[in-house]
Amino acid sequence: MTRPVYLAAILFAVLLLPQRFSHASGPPIVRIVQEYQATKPSKTALVFVHGIFGAKSTWQGDKAYWPALMNQSLAGAADIYRVDYESFGDAKNGLSVTNIVKAMSDQIDEVVQPKRYSQIIFVAHSLGGNIVRAYLLKVKLRQGHLELDRYPTAFFLATPSEGSTIASYGQLVLASPLLRALVPLDENDFLQLVMMGEGDWITKHSAVGCTRNVFLYAYEKKPLLGVMVVPKASALPWGGNESFVSQQTIRGFERNHSTIVKPESLNDPVHRWVADKAKACLKGEWPCNQNTNISETVRKSVCGAISPGAAEHAVKNGGGKEILGDE
């Protein structure tokens, strides 16, 4: 057994330890748990989504539980949820990232959407970030670009936006269909489709002046069991191209792949990075401010349901005036 494969075997054995439920057949199980309810009715929800082989313990450090720290920092001003999804099984039993995204979407429709939050903010770890990216594309396809205004920002912590080499080695020691969604981009058709969809959506938002969703990327600077699971190059989509990823949205931390989502106190730098921006969102500030350079009527029409090609046509003809009529 070569050293990379050996390290992958140890790493995935460690990642499997926190897993608490398995499922023999049928579609994957996804549960949404409300961890904390705001002290007063709130229009903001934070949703934590773990990575592959994760569980509630993903967010539990030696001294603190991250959703609890977040509730304390936000002074009970937001509802806080946790998404748990099953990671064991195989394709024959219905386990796939696509089915997890569908099941999560169904759960959000049932549990979260009825409350009609104006802001839903995801805090996602590892594979959970790629699941969230696919979920937001599903929102766009099902409900239109305008619905994405309700998801103004998302935090992707150690998410392999362009895949991870260690997942390729992991496939040699563990038969999990979820690993296919984590391998490097050049051999990962799932991530290629996600990035193609995101590229179209960001191009449209930039061209027409629709609200631009702000994604924030954190990467690890320390190895886990000798392995850098998601280094900076893996964490940033489009190779960090500033047309899509600004330096303002990138942060590296002196943590490994596991401890990056286990802050130990209110002053922990990872927690402060997320909590300070979540508090800004509660005030309607960046990264959640909904600034656009077109009128509300044009925004609803142009950003609501037309294709990227039609959006480009609208820009060439006066920001949508030819299509919609001059106001």
C-alpha atoms as a PDB file:
ATOM      1  CA  MET A   1       0.000   0.000   0.000  1.00  0.00           C
ATOM      2  CA  THR A   2       1.513   3.320  -1.075  1.00  0.00           C
ATOM      3  CA  ARG A   3       1.909   6.122   1.482  1.00  0.00           C
ATOM      4  CA  PRO A   4      -0.935   8.338   0.057  1.00  0.00           C
ATOM      5  CA  VAL A   5      -3.343   5.394   0.078  1.00  0.00           C
ATOM      6  CA  TYR A   6      -2.233   4.416   3.589  1.00  0.00           C
ATOM      7  CA  LEU A   7      -2.796   7.968   4.838  1.00  0.00           C
ATOM      8  CA  ALA A   8      -6.183   8.061   3.112  1.00  0.00           C
ATOM      9  CA  ALA A   9      -7.179   4.821   4.835  1.00  0.00           C
ATOM     10  CA  ILE A  10      -6.275   6.230   8.259  1.00  0.00           C
ATOM     11  CA  LEU A  11      -7.924   9.576   7.535  1.00  0.00           C
ATOM     12  CA  PHE A  12     -11.231   8.095   6.427  1.00  0.00           C
ATOM     13  CA  ALA A  13     -11.215   5.693   9.370  1.00  0.00           C
ATOM     14  CA  VAL A  14     -10.997   8.723  11.668  1.00  0.00           C
ATOM     15  CA  LEU A  15     -13.736  10.556   9.756  1.00  0.00           C
ATOM     16  CA  LEU A  16     -16.029   7.557  10.116  1.00  0.00           C
ATOM     17  CA  LEU A  17     -15.873   7.547  13.915  1.00  0.00           C
ATOM     18  CA  PRO A  18     -18.458  10.326  14.552  1.00  0.00           C
ATOM     19  CA  GLN A  19     -21.079   8.851  12.218  1.00  0.00           C
ATOM     20  CA  ARG A  20     -24.168   7.987  14.240  1.00  0.00           C
ATOM     21  CA  PHE A  21     -26.711   6.513  11.849  1.00  0.00           C
ATOM     22  CA  SER A  22     -26.728   4.233   8.856  1.00  0.00           C
ATOM     23  CA  HIS A  23     -29.390   3.179   6.454  1.00  0.00           C
ATOM     24  CA  ALA A  24     -29.622  -0.074   4.528  1.00  0.00           C
ATOM     25  CA  SER A  25     -31.868   0.857   1.631  1.00  0.00           C
ATOM     26  CA  GLY A  26     -34.066   3.530   0.144  1.00  0.00           C
ATOM     27  CA  PRO A  27     -33.375   7.244  -0.314  1.00  0.00           C
ATOM     28  CA  PRO A  28     -30.820   8.888   1.995  1.00  0.00           C
ATOM     29  CA  ILE A  29     -32.018  10.173   5.337  1.00  0.00           C
ATOM     30  CA  VAL A  30     -31.782  13.927   5.864  1.00  0.00           C
ATOM     31  CA  ARG A  31     -32.857  15.535   9.111  1.00  0.00           C
ATOM     32  CA  ILE A  32     -33.185  19.234   9.897  1.00  0.00           C
ATOM     33  CA  VAL A  33     -33.062  20.010  13.593  1.00  0.00           C
ATOM     34  CA  GLN A  34     -33.832  23.437  15.025  1.00  0.00           C
ATOM     35  CA  GLU A  35     -31.058  23.958  17.561  1.00  0.00           C
ATOM     36  CA  TYR A  36     -32.069  27.413  18.815  1.00  0.00           C
ATOM     37  CA  GLN A  37     -35.137  29.563  18.372  1.00  0.00           C
ATOM     38  CA  ALA A  38     -34.750  33.325  18.351  1.00  0.00           C
ATOM     39  CA  THR A  39     -35.951  35.105  21.482  1.00  0.00           C
ATOM     40  CA  LYS A  40     -38.267  37.151  19.239  1.00  0.00           C
ATOM     41  CA  PRO A  41     -39.662  36.239  15.805  1.00  0.00           C
ATOM     42  CA  SER A  42     -36.746  36.529  13.390  1.00  0.00           C
ATOM     43  CA  LYS A  43     -36.426  36.848   9.638  1.00  0.00           C
ATOM     44  CA  THR A  44     -32.934  35.326   9.687  1.00  0.00           C
ATOM     45  CA  ALA A  45     -31.972  31.652   9.866  1.00  0.00           C
ATOM     46  CA  LEU A  46     -28.513  30.098  10.101  1.00  0.00           C
ATOM     47  CA  VAL A  47     -28.232  26.527   8.829  1.00  0.00           C
ATOM     48  CA  PHE A  48     -25.211  24.326   9.658  1.00  0.00           C
ATOM     49  CA  VAL A  49     -24.433  21.535   7.159  1.00  0.00           C
ATOM     50  CA  HIS A  50     -21.723  18.967   7.973  1.00  0.00           C
ATOM     51  CA  GLY A  51     -19.386  17.145   5.594  1.00  0.00           C
ATOM     52  CA  ILE A  52     -18.932  13.515   4.562  1.00  0.00           C
ATOM     53  CA  PHE A  53     -19.246  11.050   7.461  1.00  0.00           C
ATOM     54  CA  GLY A  54     -20.150  13.976   9.713  1.00  0.00           C
ATOM     55  CA  ALA A  55     -22.803  14.349  12.381  1.00  0.00           C
ATOM     56  CA  LYS A  56     -23.708  16.694  15.213  1.00  0.00           C
ATOM     57  CA  SER A  57     -20.244  16.011  16.607  1.00  0.00           C
ATOM     58  CA  THR A  58     -18.736  17.824  13.600  1.00  0.00           C
ATOM     59  CA  TRP A  59     -19.464  21.097  15.442  1.00  0.00           C
ATOM     60  CA  GLN A  60     -18.501  19.915  18.937  1.00  0.00           C
ATOM     61  CA  GLY A  61     -15.063  20.876  20.220  1.00  0.00           C
ATOM     62  CA  ASP A  62     -13.457  20.027  23.529  1.00  0.00           C
ATOM     63  CA  LYS A  63     -14.781  23.201  25.133  1.00  0.00           C
ATOM     64  CA  ALA A  64     -17.708  24.422  23.062  1.00  0.00           C
ATOM     65  CA  TYR A  65     -20.464  23.543  20.590  1.00  0.00           C
ATOM     66  CA  TRP A  66     -20.392  25.913  17.635  1.00  0.00           C
ATOM     67  CA  PRO A  67     -24.157  26.481  17.133  1.00  0.00           C
ATOM     68  CA  ALA A  68     -24.336  27.393  20.834  1.00  0.00           C
ATOM     69  CA  LEU A  69     -21.518  29.914  20.433  1.00  0.00           C
ATOM     70  CA  MET A  70     -23.303  31.371  17.416  1.00  0.00           C
ATOM     71  CA  ASN A  71     -26.556  31.710  19.320  1.00  0.00           C
ATOM     72  CA  GLN A  72     -24.684  33.514  22.086  1.00  0.00           C
ATOM     73  CA  SER A  73     -22.874  35.870  19.690  1.00  0.00           C
ATOM     74  CA  LEU A  74     -26.096  36.754  17.899  1.00  0.00           C
ATOM     75  CA  ALA A  75     -27.863  37.299  21.250  1.00  0.00           C
ATOM     76  CA  GLY A  76     -30.684  34.978  20.212  1.00  0.00           C
ATOM     77  CA  ALA A  77     -31.588  37.162  17.213  1.00  0.00           C
ATOM     78  CA  ALA A  78     -31.722  34.340  14.638  1.00  0.00           C
ATOM     79  CA  ASP A  79     -33.157  30.841  14.373  1.00  0.00           C
ATOM     80  CA  ILE A  80     -30.380  28.254  14.137  1.00  0.00           C
ATOM     81  CA  TYR A  81     -30.760  24.885  12.424  1.00  0.00           C
ATOM     82  CA  ARG A  82     -28.545  21.852  11.869  1.00  0.00           C
ATOM     83  CA  VAL A  83     -28.776  19.550   8.843  1.00  0.00           C
ATOM     84  CA  ASP A  84     -27.726  15.918   9.348  1.00  0.00           C
ATOM     85  CA  TYR A  85     -27.520  13.573   6.389  1.00  0.00           C
ATOM     86  CA  GLU A  86     -26.555   9.962   6.038  1.00  0.00           C
ATOM     87  CA  SER A  87     -23.148   9.163   4.554  1.00  0.00           C
ATOM     88  CA  PHE A  88     -23.093   5.350   4.593  1.00  0.00           C
ATOM     89  CA  GLY A  89     -24.451   3.121   1.876  1.00  0.00           C
ATOM     90  CA  ASP A  90     -23.908   2.750  -1.834  1.00  0.00           C
ATOM     91  CA  ALA A  91     -25.513   3.789  -5.093  1.00  0.00           C
ATOM     92  CA  LYS A  92     -27.725   0.665  -5.125  1.00  0.00           C
ATOM     93  CA  ASN A  93     -29.243   1.866  -1.844  1.00  0.00           C
ATOM     94  CA  GLY A  94     -29.954   5.303  -3.262  1.00  0.00           C
ATOM     95  CA  LEU A  95     -27.006   7.121  -1.693  1.00  0.00           C
ATOM     96  CA  SER A  96     -25.747   9.976  -3.872  1.00  0.00           C
ATOM     97  CA  VAL A  97     -25.097  13.690  -3.557  1.00  0.00           C
ATOM     98  CA  THR A  98     -28.009  14.339  -5.933  1.00  0.00           C
ATOM     99  CA  ASN A  99     -30.416  12.423  -3.696  1.00  0.00           C
ATOM    100  CA  ILE A 100     -29.088  14.160  -0.588  1.00  0.00           C
ATOM    101  CA  VAL A 101     -29.650  17.554  -2.242  1.00  0.00           C
ATOM    102  CA  LYS A 102     -33.199  16.561  -3.153  1.00  0.00           C
ATOM    103  CA  ALA A 103     -33.925  15.224   0.342  1.00  0.00           C
ATOM    104  CA  MET A 104     -32.437  18.368   1.937  1.00  0.00           C
ATOM    105  CA  SER A 105     -34.536  20.531  -0.362  1.00  0.00           C
ATOM    106  CA  ASP A 106     -37.665  18.637   0.678  1.00  0.00           C
ATOM    107  CA  GLN A 107     -36.774  19.069   4.353  1.00  0.00           C
ATOM    108  CA  ILE A 108     -36.095  22.789   3.947  1.00  0.00           C
ATOM    109  CA  ASP A 109     -39.435  23.156   2.161  1.00  0.00           C
ATOM    110  CA  GLU A 110     -41.152  21.421   5.068  1.00  0.00           C
ATOM    111  CA  VAL A 111     -39.301  22.842   8.076  1.00  0.00           C
ATOM    112  CA  VAL A 112     -37.656  26.128   7.104  1.00  0.00           C
ATOM    113  CA  GLN A 113     -39.526  27.662   4.172  1.00  0.00           C
ATOM    114  CA  PRO A 114     -42.919  28.013   5.906  1.00  0.00           C
ATOM    115  CA  LYS A 115     -41.351  30.626   8.190  1.00  0.00           C
ATOM    116  CA  ARG A 116     -40.589  32.817   5.152  1.00  0.00           C
ATOM    117  CA  TYR A 117     -37.201  34.030   6.295  1.00  0.00           C
ATOM    118  CA  SER A 118     -35.811  36.973   4.358  1.00  0.00           C
ATOM    119  CA  GLN A 119     -32.272  35.662   5.005  1.00  0.00           C
ATOM    120  CA  ILE A 120     -31.130  32.036   5.098  1.00  0.00           C
ATOM    121  CA  ILE A 121     -27.397  31.770   5.759  1.00  0.00           C
ATOM    122  CA  PHE A 122     -25.562  28.470   5.388  1.00  0.00           C
ATOM    123  CA  VAL A 123     -22.485  27.511   7.425  1.00  0.00           C
ATOM    124  CA  ALA A 124     -21.121  24.433   5.689  1.00  0.00           C
ATOM    125  CA  HIS A 125     -18.149  22.139   6.185  1.00  0.00           C
ATOM    126  CA  SER A 126     -16.314  20.134   3.523  1.00  0.00           C
ATOM    127  CA  LEU A 127     -18.758  18.160   1.313  1.00  0.00           C
ATOM    128  CA  GLY A 128     -21.593  20.072   3.001  1.00  0.00           C
ATOM    129  CA  GLY A 129     -20.477  23.161   1.102  1.00  0.00           C
ATOM    130  CA  ASN A 130     -20.766  21.430  -2.266  1.00  0.00           C
ATOM    131  CA  ILE A 131     -24.183  20.124  -1.241  1.00  0.00           C
ATOM    132  CA  VAL A 132     -25.245  23.693  -0.436  1.00  0.00           C
ATOM    133  CA  ARG A 133     -23.911  24.930  -3.787  1.00  0.00           C
ATOM    134  CA  ALA A 134     -25.976  22.288  -5.594  1.00  0.00           C
ATOM    135  CA  TYR A 135     -29.018  23.121  -3.460  1.00  0.00           C
ATOM    136  CA  LEU A 136     -28.797  26.819  -4.413  1.00  0.00           C
ATOM    137  CA  LEU A 137     -28.662  25.872  -8.080  1.00  0.00           C
ATOM    138  CA  LYS A 138     -31.811  23.830  -7.514  1.00  0.00           C
ATOM    139  CA  VAL A 139     -33.435  26.920  -5.973  1.00  0.00           C
ATOM    140  CA  LYS A 140     -32.472  28.965  -9.027  1.00  0.00           C
ATOM    141  CA  LEU A 141     -33.813  26.380 -11.475  1.00  0.00           C
ATOM    142  CA  ARG A 142     -37.043  25.758  -9.584  1.00  0.00           C
ATOM    143  CA  GLN A 143     -37.911  29.259  -8.381  1.00  0.00           C
ATOM    144  CA  GLY A 144     -35.784  31.684 -10.397  1.00  0.00           C
ATOM    145  CA  HIS A 145     -32.908  34.038  -9.664  1.00  0.00           C
ATOM    146  CA  LEU A 146     -35.048  36.343  -7.542  1.00  0.00           C
ATOM    147  CA  GLU A 147     -35.521  33.630  -4.907  1.00  0.00           C
ATOM    148  CA  LEU A 148     -31.738  33.576  -4.419  1.00  0.00           C
ATOM    149  CA  ASP A 149     -32.086  36.959  -2.682  1.00  0.00           C
ATOM    150  CA  ARG A 150     -33.197  34.959   0.361  1.00  0.00           C
ATOM    151  CA  TYR A 151     -29.778  33.256   0.433  1.00  0.00           C
ATOM    152  CA  PRO A 152     -27.524  36.330   0.465  1.00  0.00           C
ATOM    153  CA  THR A 153     -24.397  34.642   1.768  1.00  0.00           C
ATOM    154  CA  ALA A 154     -22.914  31.265   2.668  1.00  0.00           C
ATOM    155  CA  PHE A 155     -19.783  30.231   4.538  1.00  0.00           C
ATOM    156  CA  PHE A 156     -17.831  27.342   3.044  1.00  0.00           C
ATOM    157  CA  LEU A 157     -15.297  26.021   5.552  1.00  0.00           C
ATOM    158  CA  ALA A 158     -12.720  23.605   4.143  1.00  0.00           C
ATOM    159  CA  THR A 159     -15.070  22.873   1.257  1.00  0.00           C
ATOM    160  CA  PRO A 160     -13.220  21.327  -1.712  1.00  0.00           C
ATOM    161  CA  SER A 161     -14.784  23.631  -4.296  1.00  0.00           C
ATOM    162  CA  GLU A 162     -12.454  22.185  -6.942  1.00  0.00           C
ATOM    163  CA  GLY A 163     -12.242  18.734  -5.392  1.00  0.00           C
ATOM    164  CA  SER A 164      -9.535  17.126  -3.264  1.00  0.00           C
ATOM    165  CA  THR A 165      -6.764  14.718  -4.212  1.00  0.00           C
ATOM    166  CA  ILE A 166      -7.213  12.774  -0.981  1.00  0.00           C
ATOM    167  CA  ALA A 167     -10.734  11.783  -2.137  1.00  0.00           C
ATOM    168  CA  SER A 168      -9.217  10.006  -5.143  1.00  0.00           C
ATOM    169  CA  TYR A 169      -7.062   7.906  -2.822  1.00  0.00           C
ATOM    170  CA  GLY A 170     -10.045   7.439  -0.535  1.00  0.00           C
ATOM    171  CA  GLN A 171     -11.949   5.737  -3.339  1.00  0.00           C
ATOM    172  CA  LEU A 172      -9.300   2.998  -3.324  1.00  0.00           C
ATOM    173  CA  VAL A 173     -10.054   2.090   0.288  1.00  0.00           C
ATOM    174  CA  LEU A 174     -13.738   3.007   0.670  1.00  0.00           C
ATOM    175  CA  ALA A 175     -16.600   2.358  -1.745  1.00  0.00           C
ATOM    176  CA  SER A 176     -18.708   5.467  -1.147  1.00  0.00           C
ATOM    177  CA  PRO A 177     -20.555   7.213  -3.996  1.00  0.00           C
ATOM    178  CA  LEU A 178     -20.176  10.478  -2.067  1.00  0.00           C
ATOM    179  CA  LEU A 179     -16.420  10.413  -2.623  1.00  0.00           C
ATOM    180  CA  ARG A 180     -17.040  10.790  -6.352  1.00  0.00           C
ATOM    181  CA  ALA A 181     -18.351  14.299  -5.636  1.00  0.00           C
ATOM    182  CA  LEU A 182     -15.084  15.187  -3.876  1.00  0.00           C
ATOM    183  CA  VAL A 183     -12.422  14.065  -6.354  1.00  0.00           C
ATOM    184  CA  PRO A 184     -10.448  16.724  -8.282  1.00  0.00           C
ATOM    185  CA  LEU A 185     -12.347  18.863 -10.761  1.00  0.00           C
ATOM    186  CA  ASP A 186     -10.852  17.363 -13.923  1.00  0.00           C
ATOM    187  CA  GLU A 187     -12.430  13.989 -13.061  1.00  0.00           C
ATOM    188  CA  ASN A 188     -15.514  15.267 -11.249  1.00  0.00           C
ATOM    189  CA  ASP A 189     -18.530  15.806 -13.510  1.00  0.00           C
ATOM    190  CA  PHE A 190     -20.722  16.771 -10.522  1.00  0.00           C
ATOM    191  CA  LEU A 191     -18.512  19.740  -9.620  1.00  0.00           C
ATOM    192  CA  GLN A 192     -18.085  20.654 -13.286  1.00  0.00           C
ATOM    193  CA  LEU A 193     -21.871  20.982 -13.628  1.00  0.00           C
ATOM    194  CA  VAL A 194     -22.144  22.942 -10.361  1.00  0.00           C
ATOM    195  CA  MET A 195     -19.454  25.390 -11.459  1.00  0.00           C
ATOM    196  CA  MET A 196     -20.997  25.789 -14.900  1.00  0.00           C
ATOM    197  CA  GLY A 197     -24.345  26.638 -13.305  1.00  0.00           C
ATOM    198  CA  GLU A 198     -22.751  29.041 -10.834  1.00  0.00           C
ATOM    199  CA  GLY A 199     -20.828  30.724 -13.625  1.00  0.00           C
ATOM    200  CA  ASP A 200     -24.022  31.378 -15.596  1.00  0.00           C
ATOM    201  CA  TRP A 201     -25.810  32.662 -12.520  1.00  0.00           C
ATOM    202  CA  ILE A 202     -22.966  34.989 -11.438  1.00  0.00           C
ATOM    203  CA  THR A 203     -22.536  36.285 -14.996  1.00  0.00           C
ATOM    204  CA  LYS A 204     -26.216  37.131 -15.170  1.00  0.00           C
ATOM    205  CA  HIS A 205     -26.264  38.838 -11.790  1.00  0.00           C
ATOM    206  CA  SER A 206     -23.200  40.912 -12.663  1.00  0.00           C
ATOM    207  CA  ALA A 207     -24.387  41.801 -16.164  1.00  0.00           C
ATOM    208  CA  VAL A 208     -27.874  42.960 -15.255  1.00  0.00           C
ATOM    209  CA  GLY A 209     -27.346  44.250 -11.730  1.00  0.00           C
ATOM    210  CA  CYS A 210     -29.241  41.502  -9.929  1.00  0.00           C
ATOM    211  CA  THR A 211     -28.303  40.910  -6.304  1.00  0.00           C
ATOM    212  CA  ARG A 212     -24.987  39.076  -6.106  1.00  0.00           C
ATOM    213  CA  ASN A 213     -24.804  36.315  -3.538  1.00  0.00           C
ATOM    214  CA  VAL A 214     -21.604  36.518  -1.500  1.00  0.00           C
ATOM    215  CA  PHE A 215     -19.839  33.238  -0.820  1.00  0.00           C
ATOM    216  CA  LEU A 216     -17.077  33.201   1.789  1.00  0.00           C
ATOM    217  CA  TYR A 217     -14.328  30.588   1.675  1.00  0.00           C
ATOM    218  CA  ALA A 218     -12.161  29.393   4.586  1.00  0.00           C
ATOM    219  CA  TYR A 219      -9.317  26.934   4.150  1.00  0.00           C
ATOM    220  CA  GLU A 220      -7.127  24.968   6.527  1.00  0.00           C
ATOM    221  CA  LYS A 221      -3.433  25.679   7.038  1.00  0.00           C
ATOM    222  CA  LYS A 222      -2.573  22.625   9.129  1.00  0.00           C
ATOM    223  CA  PRO A 223      -2.575  18.945   8.106  1.00  0.00           C
ATOM    224  CA  LEU A 224      -4.849  16.313   9.595  1.00  0.00           C
ATOM    225  CA  LEU A 225      -2.853  13.133  10.252  1.00  0.00           C
ATOM    226  CA  GLY A 226      -0.193  14.446   7.900  1.00  0.00           C
ATOM    227  CA  VAL A 227      -2.695  15.298   5.133  1.00  0.00           C
ATOM    228  CA  MET A 228      -3.738  18.735   3.860  1.00  0.00           C
ATOM    229  CA  VAL A 229      -7.295  17.742   2.961  1.00  0.00           C
ATOM    230  CA  VAL A 230      -8.518  21.073   1.547  1.00  0.00           C
ATOM    231  CA  PRO A 231      -5.658  23.526   0.980  1.00  0.00           C
ATOM    232  CA  LYS A 232      -6.279  26.961  -0.498  1.00  0.00           C
ATOM    233  CA  ALA A 233      -6.056  25.794  -4.109  1.00  0.00           C
ATOM    234  CA  SER A 234      -8.776  23.207  -3.444  1.00  0.00           C
ATOM    235  CA  ALA A 235     -11.046  25.557  -1.516  1.00  0.00           C
ATOM    236  CA  LEU A 236     -11.330  28.319  -4.126  1.00  0.00           C
ATOM    237  CA  PRO A 237     -13.518  27.755  -7.210  1.00  0.00           C
ATOM    238  CA  TRP A 238     -12.348  28.871 -10.640  1.00  0.00           C
ATOM    239  CA  GLY A 239      -8.772  28.804  -9.399  1.00  0.00           C
ATOM    240  CA  GLY A 240      -9.483  31.889  -7.299  1.00  0.00           C
ATOM    241  CA  ASN A 241     -10.332  33.967 -10.403  1.00  0.00           C
ATOM    242  CA  GLU A 242     -11.197  37.411  -9.041  1.00  0.00           C
ATOM    243  CA  SER A 243     -14.101  37.726 -11.477  1.00  0.00           C
ATOM    244  CA  PHE A 244     -15.819  35.151  -9.257  1.00  0.00           C
ATOM    245  CA  VAL A 245     -13.901  35.146  -5.956  1.00  0.00           C
ATOM    246  CA  SER A 246     -12.679  38.377  -4.349  1.00  0.00           C
ATOM    247  CA  GLN A 247      -9.855  38.519  -1.821  1.00  0.00           C
ATOM    248  CA  GLN A 248     -12.358  40.003   0.634  1.00  0.00           C
ATOM    249  CA  THR A 249     -14.143  36.640   0.807  1.00  0.00           C
ATOM    250  CA  ILE A 250     -11.124  34.358   1.454  1.00  0.00           C
ATOM    251  CA  ARG A 251      -9.548  33.476   4.788  1.00  0.00           C
ATOM    252  CA  GLY A 252      -7.051  30.840   5.874  1.00  0.00           C
ATOM    253  CA  PHE A 253      -6.908  29.551   9.453  1.00  0.00           C
ATOM    254  CA  GLU A 254      -4.262  27.741  11.485  1.00  0.00           C
ATOM    255  CA  ARG A 255      -6.524  24.706  11.817  1.00  0.00           C
ATOM    256  CA  ASN A 256      -6.798  21.261  10.292  1.00  0.00           C
ATOM    257  CA  HIS A 257      -9.748  19.857   8.366  1.00  0.00           C
ATOM    258  CA  SER A 258     -11.557  18.824  11.545  1.00  0.00           C
ATOM    259  CA  THR A 259     -10.775  21.638  13.998  1.00  0.00           C
ATOM    260  CA  ILE A 260     -11.660  24.411  11.549  1.00  0.00           C
ATOM    261  CA  VAL A 261     -15.326  23.876  12.514  1.00  0.00           C
ATOM    262  CA  LYS A 262     -14.728  23.357  16.235  1.00  0.00           C
ATOM    263  CA  PRO A 263     -14.132  26.839  17.667  1.00  0.00           C
ATOM    264  CA  GLU A 264     -13.508  26.765  21.396  1.00  0.00           C
ATOM    265  CA  SER A 265     -14.659  30.223  22.490  1.00  0.00           C
ATOM    266  CA  LEU A 266     -16.388  33.435  21.461  1.00  0.00           C
ATOM    267  CA  ASN A 267     -12.941  34.877  20.683  1.00  0.00           C
ATOM    268  CA  ASP A 268     -11.887  32.001  18.454  1.00  0.00           C
ATOM    269  CA  PRO A 269     -10.813  33.493  15.080  1.00  0.00           C
ATOM    270  CA  VAL A 270     -12.937  31.101  13.011  1.00  0.00           C
ATOM    271  CA  HIS A 271     -15.992  31.881  15.101  1.00  0.00           C
ATOM    272  CA  ARG A 272     -15.349  35.628  14.980  1.00  0.00           C
ATOM    273  CA  TRP A 273     -14.953  35.523  11.194  1.00  0.00           C
ATOM    274  CA  VAL A 274     -18.383  33.920  10.770  1.00  0.00           C
ATOM    275  CA  ALA A 275     -20.209  35.550  13.696  1.00  0.00           C
ATOM    276  CA  ASP A 276     -19.144  39.116  12.866  1.00  0.00           C
ATOM    277  CA  LYS A 277     -20.471  38.761   9.331  1.00  0.00           C
ATOM    278  CA  ALA A 278     -23.674  37.096  10.556  1.00  0.00           C
ATOM    279  CA  LYS A 279     -24.218  40.037  12.925  1.00  0.00           C
ATOM    280  CA  ALA A 280     -23.677  42.423  10.002  1.00  0.00           C
ATOM    281  CA  CYS A 281     -26.348  40.512   8.084  1.00  0.00           C
ATOM    282  CA  LEU A 282     -28.793  41.100  10.940  1.00  0.00           C
ATOM    283  CA  LYS A 283     -28.193  44.833  10.392  1.00  0.00           C
ATOM    284  CA  GLY A 284     -28.639  44.554   6.628  1.00  0.00           C
ATOM    285  CA  GLU A 285     -24.942  45.158   5.969  1.00  0.00           C
ATOM    286  CA  TRP A 286     -22.338  43.369   3.842  1.00  0.00           C
ATOM    287  CA  PRO A 287     -22.241  40.509   3.026  1.00  0.00           C
ATOM    288  CA  CYS A 288     -26.038  40.491   3.122  1.00  0.00           C
ATOM    289  CA  ASN A 289     -26.953  43.944   1.837  1.00  0.00           C
ATOM    290  CA  GLN A 290     -29.216  43.762  -1.188  1.00  0.00           C
ATOM    291  CA  ASN A 291     -27.735  46.562  -3.295  1.00  0.00           C
ATOM    292  CA  THR A 292     -28.486  46.523  -7.023  1.00  0.00           C
ATOM    293  CA  ASN A 293     -28.119  49.156  -9.704  1.00  0.00           C
ATOM    294  CA  ILE A 294     -31.523  48.662 -11.312  1.00  0.00           C
ATOM    295  CA  SER A 295     -35.050  49.538 -10.232  1.00  0.00           C
ATOM    296  CA  GLU A 296     -37.168  47.140  -8.179  1.00  0.00           C
ATOM    297  CA  THR A 297     -39.588  46.572 -11.090  1.00  0.00           C
ATOM    298  CA  VAL A 298     -36.792  45.724 -13.506  1.00  0.00           C
ATOM    299  CA  ARG A 299     -35.038  43.614 -10.850  1.00  0.00           C
ATOM    300  CA  LYS A 300     -38.144  41.481 -10.328  1.00  0.00           C
ATOM    301  CA  SER A 301     -38.686  41.017 -14.048  1.00  0.00           C
ATOM    302  CA  VAL A 302     -35.131  40.615 -15.306  1.00  0.00           C
ATOM    303  CA  CYS A 303     -33.803  38.750 -12.262  1.00  0.00           C
ATOM    304  CA  GLY A 304     -36.879  36.613 -11.884  1.00  0.00           C
ATOM    305  CA  ALA A 305     -36.970  34.082 -14.657  1.00  0.00           C
ATOM    306  CA  ILE A 306     -35.077  34.896 -17.833  1.00  0.00           C
ATOM    307  CA  SER A 307     -32.008  33.101 -19.118  1.00  0.00           C
ATOM    308  CA  PRO A 308     -28.434  34.406 -19.004  1.00  0.00           C
ATOM    309  CA  GLY A 309     -28.598  35.029 -22.776  1.00  0.00           C
ATOM    310  CA  ALA A 310     -31.724  37.154 -22.396  1.00  0.00           C
ATOM    311  CA  ALA A 311     -30.068  38.990 -19.513  1.00  0.00           C
ATOM    312  CA  GLU A 312     -27.114  39.887 -21.736  1.00  0.00           C
ATOM    313  CA  HIS A 313     -29.544  41.089 -24.390  1.00  0.00           C
ATOM    314  CA  ALA A 314     -31.272  43.238 -21.758  1.00  0.00           C
ATOM    315  CA  VAL A 315     -27.984  44.872 -20.770  1.00  0.00           C
ATOM    316  CA  LYS A 316     -27.095  45.666 -24.377  1.00  0.00           C
ATOM    317  CA  ASN A 317     -30.464  47.363 -24.735  1.00  0.00           C
ATOM    318  CA  GLY A 318     -30.453  49.659 -21.736  1.00  0.00           C
ATOM    319  CA  GLY A 319     -30.649  47.448 -18.663  1.00  0.00           C
ATOM    320  CA  GLY A 320     -33.852  45.677 -19.648  1.00  0.00           C
ATOM    321  CA  LYS A 321     -35.785  48.628 -21.047  1.00  0.00           C
ATOM    322  CA  GLU A 322     -36.302  47.060 -24.489  1.00  0.00           C
ATOM    323  CA  ILE A 323     -37.691  43.897 -22.961  1.00  0.00           C
ATOM    324  CA  LEU A 324     -39.704  45.430 -20.168  1.00  0.00           C
ATOM    325  CA  GLY A 325     -40.586  48.890 -21.403  1.00  0.00           C
ATOM    326  CA  ASP A 326     -39.007  52.111 -20.186  1.00  0.00           C
ATOM    327  CA  GLU A 327     -40.273  53.093 -16.768  1.00  0.00           C
END
